[in-house]
Amino acid sequence: PGATLGEVAALDALARERGLTLFATWHSRCASAVEPARAWLATRTIRAVQVRWKEDVRRWHPGQQWIWEPGGLGVFDPGINALSIVTRILPRELVLREATLYVPSDAQMPIAAELDCADTNGVPVRAEFDWRHGPVEQWEIAVDTSDGVLAISRGGAQLSIAGEPVEIGPQREYPALYAQFRALIARGESDVDVRPLRLVADAFLFGRRVGTDAFGR
């Protein structure tokens, strides 16, 4: 509901003051694989996490200039969905350690990014976002644990553990999202988790910018 951390904080305070429901989330967090992955990881020893969220911007955002302007987020527009999954399924908080943003010479926002994070136990979490990828999208998260690799693929539509597929039912991202919103309203509660946006903001604050070829229009 807000473009910046400050705006979301102000909206959260306003919602509390007026007794209203505020729901701040991303659609991928409601993907079918997310909650089963969260439950399984809660009792495992996590060793490392690798995120690869890559697609072709010309396919998914053809002719959309706004994504390259301040506030458009660039490759973080899809990348934040991956972060919304990671911050939900991992049992500990993440801290950004390093970031590299690849920015076309004719744009303000990055076309690719690499984030190196660690959780509060020092477990490495690396995320690679790229809008120059194709023709097949790569929306994958791999969590290496003491009991094998938990793999989320197809943006959260598929889940496997130690190489074995897990039955998670049909993909219901948006129906699940609206059902959660409805439940919050019924209970008179809010759900405002800014951690994915904070990681993106930290990347812009802390990351190294590398110039790349012009994107063109």
Protein backbone atom coordinates (compact mmCIF):
# COMPACT_ATOMS: atom_id res chain seq x y z
CA PRO A 1 0.00 0.00 0.00
CA GLY A 2 3.03 2.32 0.21
CA ALA A 3 6.03 3.11 -1.96
CA THR A 4 8.48 3.63 0.91
CA LEU A 5 9.09 2.24 4.38
CA GLY A 6 8.15 5.60 5.85
CA GLU A 7 4.83 5.68 4.02
CA VAL A 8 3.92 2.16 5.14
CA ALA A 9 4.78 3.04 8.74
CA ALA A 10 2.55 6.11 8.53
CA LEU A 11 -0.30 4.06 7.06
CA ASP A 12 0.13 1.43 9.77
CA ALA A 13 -0.10 4.06 12.49
CA LEU A 14 -3.15 5.62 10.83
CA ALA A 15 -4.89 2.24 10.55
CA ARG A 16 -4.28 1.55 14.24
CA GLU A 17 -5.54 5.00 15.20
CA ARG A 18 -8.76 4.54 13.23
CA GLY A 19 -9.32 0.88 14.02
CA LEU A 20 -8.94 -0.20 10.39
CA THR A 21 -7.33 -3.25 8.79
CA LEU A 22 -4.09 -2.76 6.87
CA PHE A 23 -2.70 -5.65 4.84
CA ALA A 24 0.78 -5.25 3.35
CA THR A 25 1.99 -8.28 1.43
CA TRP A 26 3.08 -9.72 -1.93
CA HIS A 27 1.17 -12.29 -3.95
CA SER A 28 3.97 -14.87 -3.99
CA ARG A 29 3.85 -15.14 -0.20
CA CYS A 30 0.46 -16.81 -0.65
CA ALA A 31 1.81 -19.39 -3.12
CA SER A 32 0.92 -22.99 -2.34
CA ALA A 33 4.48 -24.06 -1.44
CA VAL A 34 5.10 -21.37 1.16
CA GLU A 35 3.36 -22.61 4.30
CA PRO A 36 4.39 -26.29 3.87
CA ALA A 37 7.98 -25.13 3.36
CA ARG A 38 7.81 -22.91 6.45
CA ALA A 39 6.50 -25.76 8.59
CA TRP A 40 9.14 -28.22 7.38
CA LEU A 41 12.05 -25.80 7.83
CA ALA A 42 11.00 -24.89 11.37
CA THR A 43 12.58 -28.08 12.73
CA ARG A 44 15.58 -28.39 10.40
CA THR A 45 19.16 -27.17 10.54
CA ILE A 46 19.58 -24.77 7.63
CA ARG A 47 23.01 -24.55 6.00
CA ALA A 48 22.53 -22.18 3.06
CA VAL A 49 19.86 -20.60 0.88
CA GLN A 50 20.06 -19.81 -2.84
CA VAL A 51 17.45 -17.68 -4.62
CA ARG A 52 17.31 -17.37 -8.41
CA TRP A 53 14.48 -15.18 -9.68
CA LYS A 54 15.02 -14.50 -13.36
CA GLU A 55 12.77 -13.60 -16.28
CA ASP A 56 12.58 -11.55 -19.47
CA VAL A 57 11.46 -7.99 -18.76
CA ARG A 58 10.42 -7.51 -22.37
CA ARG A 59 7.89 -10.29 -21.96
CA TRP A 60 6.53 -9.32 -18.55
CA HIS A 61 6.72 -5.52 -18.73
CA PRO A 62 6.69 -4.63 -22.45
CA GLY A 63 6.91 -0.90 -23.06
CA GLN A 64 6.46 0.01 -19.39
CA GLN A 65 8.67 2.99 -18.70
CA TRP A 66 7.65 3.41 -15.05
CA ILE A 67 9.64 0.37 -13.92
CA TRP A 68 12.88 2.14 -14.83
CA GLU A 69 12.07 5.37 -13.00
CA PRO A 70 12.61 6.16 -9.29
CA GLY A 71 10.08 4.19 -7.29
CA GLY A 72 9.65 1.61 -10.05
CA LEU A 73 12.08 -0.81 -8.34
CA GLY A 74 13.43 -2.26 -11.59
CA VAL A 75 14.27 -5.95 -11.22
CA PHE A 76 13.16 -5.78 -7.60
CA ASP A 77 9.57 -5.53 -8.83
CA PRO A 78 9.54 -9.33 -9.30
CA GLY A 79 12.48 -9.92 -6.97
CA ILE A 80 10.60 -8.67 -3.93
CA ASN A 81 8.20 -11.58 -4.41
CA ALA A 82 11.08 -13.98 -3.86
CA LEU A 83 12.08 -12.04 -0.75
CA SER A 84 8.51 -12.25 0.51
CA ILE A 85 8.77 -16.05 0.35
CA VAL A 86 12.22 -16.24 1.91
CA THR A 87 11.33 -13.99 4.84
CA ARG A 88 8.24 -16.12 5.46
CA ILE A 89 9.76 -19.60 5.30
CA LEU A 90 13.03 -19.00 7.16
CA PRO A 91 12.86 -19.13 10.96
CA ARG A 92 15.29 -16.28 11.62
CA GLU A 93 15.71 -12.68 10.50
CA LEU A 94 17.89 -11.73 7.53
CA VAL A 95 20.51 -9.01 7.38
CA LEU A 96 21.94 -7.69 4.12
CA ARG A 97 25.74 -7.93 3.95
CA GLU A 98 26.52 -6.98 0.35
CA ALA A 99 24.62 -6.02 -2.79
CA THR A 100 25.45 -5.28 -6.40
CA LEU A 101 22.94 -3.48 -8.62
CA TYR A 102 23.37 -3.56 -12.41
CA VAL A 103 21.85 -0.40 -13.86
CA PRO A 104 21.45 0.28 -17.62
CA SER A 105 22.93 3.56 -18.82
CA ASP A 106 19.49 4.80 -19.86
CA ALA A 107 17.62 3.84 -16.67
CA GLN A 108 17.45 4.77 -13.01
CA MET A 109 16.59 1.31 -11.69
CA PRO A 110 18.54 -1.96 -11.90
CA ILE A 111 18.01 -4.64 -14.52
CA ALA A 112 19.80 -7.21 -12.36
CA ALA A 113 20.91 -7.50 -8.76
CA GLU A 114 22.83 -9.79 -6.43
CA LEU A 115 22.17 -9.76 -2.70
CA ASP A 116 24.28 -11.54 -0.11
CA CYS A 117 22.53 -11.81 3.22
CA ALA A 118 22.94 -13.83 6.41
CA ASP A 119 20.45 -14.86 9.02
CA THR A 120 21.06 -14.15 12.69
CA ASN A 121 22.87 -17.50 13.01
CA GLY A 122 25.21 -16.59 10.17
CA VAL A 123 23.60 -18.86 7.56
CA PRO A 124 24.33 -17.43 4.07
CA VAL A 125 21.39 -16.43 1.91
CA ARG A 126 22.19 -15.36 -1.65
CA ALA A 127 19.65 -13.93 -4.07
CA GLU A 128 20.18 -13.38 -7.80
CA PHE A 129 17.65 -11.34 -9.75
CA ASP A 130 17.92 -10.82 -13.51
CA TRP A 131 15.56 -9.33 -16.07
CA ARG A 132 17.74 -10.41 -19.01
CA HIS A 133 16.85 -14.08 -18.66
CA GLY A 134 14.80 -16.21 -20.99
CA PRO A 135 12.94 -17.68 -22.68
CA VAL A 136 12.02 -19.88 -19.68
CA GLU A 137 11.54 -18.14 -16.36
CA GLN A 138 13.58 -19.23 -13.35
CA TRP A 139 11.66 -18.58 -10.14
CA GLU A 140 13.45 -20.87 -7.70
CA ILE A 141 14.52 -21.04 -4.06
CA ALA A 142 16.76 -23.82 -2.73
CA VAL A 143 17.31 -24.32 1.00
CA ASP A 144 20.15 -26.69 1.91
CA THR A 145 19.43 -28.43 5.22
CA SER A 146 20.69 -31.32 7.33
CA ASP A 147 17.84 -33.42 5.90
CA GLY A 148 18.32 -32.56 2.24
CA VAL A 149 17.45 -29.69 -0.07
CA LEU A 150 14.03 -28.07 0.05
CA ALA A 151 13.33 -26.65 -3.40
CA ILE A 152 10.60 -24.20 -4.35
CA SER A 153 10.08 -23.73 -8.08
CA ARG A 154 7.69 -22.09 -10.53
CA GLY A 155 7.36 -19.13 -8.20
CA GLY A 156 5.94 -21.22 -5.38
CA ALA A 157 3.70 -23.53 -7.39
CA GLN A 158 5.96 -26.57 -6.86
CA LEU A 159 7.77 -27.96 -3.83
CA SER A 160 10.23 -30.82 -3.45
CA ILE A 161 12.21 -32.10 -0.47
CA ALA A 162 15.35 -34.19 -0.88
CA GLY A 163 14.49 -34.65 -4.55
CA GLU A 164 10.97 -35.91 -3.91
CA PRO A 165 7.95 -33.87 -5.02
CA VAL A 166 5.53 -32.76 -2.31
CA GLU A 167 1.81 -32.58 -3.02
CA ILE A 168 0.66 -29.04 -2.21
CA GLY A 169 -2.55 -28.79 -4.20
CA PRO A 170 -3.43 -26.27 -6.90
CA GLN A 171 -1.93 -22.82 -7.08
CA ARG A 172 -4.22 -20.35 -5.30
CA GLU A 173 -2.08 -17.25 -4.80
CA TYR A 174 -4.69 -14.56 -5.29
CA PRO A 175 -7.68 -16.44 -3.82
CA ALA A 176 -5.54 -17.20 -0.75
CA LEU A 177 -4.42 -13.58 -0.53
CA TYR A 178 -7.97 -12.25 -0.58
CA ALA A 179 -9.13 -14.92 1.87
CA GLN A 180 -6.42 -13.79 4.27
CA PHE A 181 -7.44 -10.15 3.82
CA ARG A 182 -11.06 -11.05 4.50
CA ALA A 183 -10.09 -12.95 7.66
CA LEU A 184 -8.05 -9.99 8.92
CA ILE A 185 -11.02 -7.66 8.39
CA ALA A 186 -13.33 -10.08 10.20
CA ARG A 187 -10.98 -10.16 13.20
CA GLY A 188 -10.26 -6.44 13.10
CA GLU A 189 -6.53 -7.07 12.74
CA SER A 190 -3.69 -5.92 10.47
CA ASP A 191 -0.77 -7.76 8.89
CA VAL A 192 2.07 -5.42 7.98
CA ASP A 193 5.38 -7.16 7.29
CA VAL A 194 7.84 -4.79 5.64
CA ARG A 195 10.86 -7.11 5.74
CA PRO A 196 10.92 -7.77 1.97
CA LEU A 197 10.71 -4.04 1.23
CA ARG A 198 13.34 -3.30 3.87
CA LEU A 199 15.80 -5.67 2.23
CA VAL A 200 15.23 -3.91 -1.09
CA ALA A 201 15.66 -0.51 0.54
CA ASP A 202 18.86 -1.72 2.21
CA ALA A 203 20.15 -2.89 -1.18
CA PHE A 204 19.62 0.58 -2.64
CA LEU A 205 21.20 2.16 0.45
CA PHE A 206 24.13 -0.22 0.78
CA GLY A 207 24.62 -1.73 -2.67
CA ARG A 208 27.32 -1.07 -5.23
CA ARG A 209 26.06 0.21 -8.59
CA VAL A 210 27.55 -1.20 -11.78
CA GLY A 211 26.69 0.40 -15.11
CA THR A 212 25.50 -1.85 -17.95
CA ASP A 213 24.49 -1.43 -21.58
CA ALA A 214 21.50 0.74 -22.39
CA PHE A 215 18.23 -1.18 -22.24
CA GLY A 216 16.53 0.72 -25.03
CA ARG A 217 12.81 1.01 -25.37
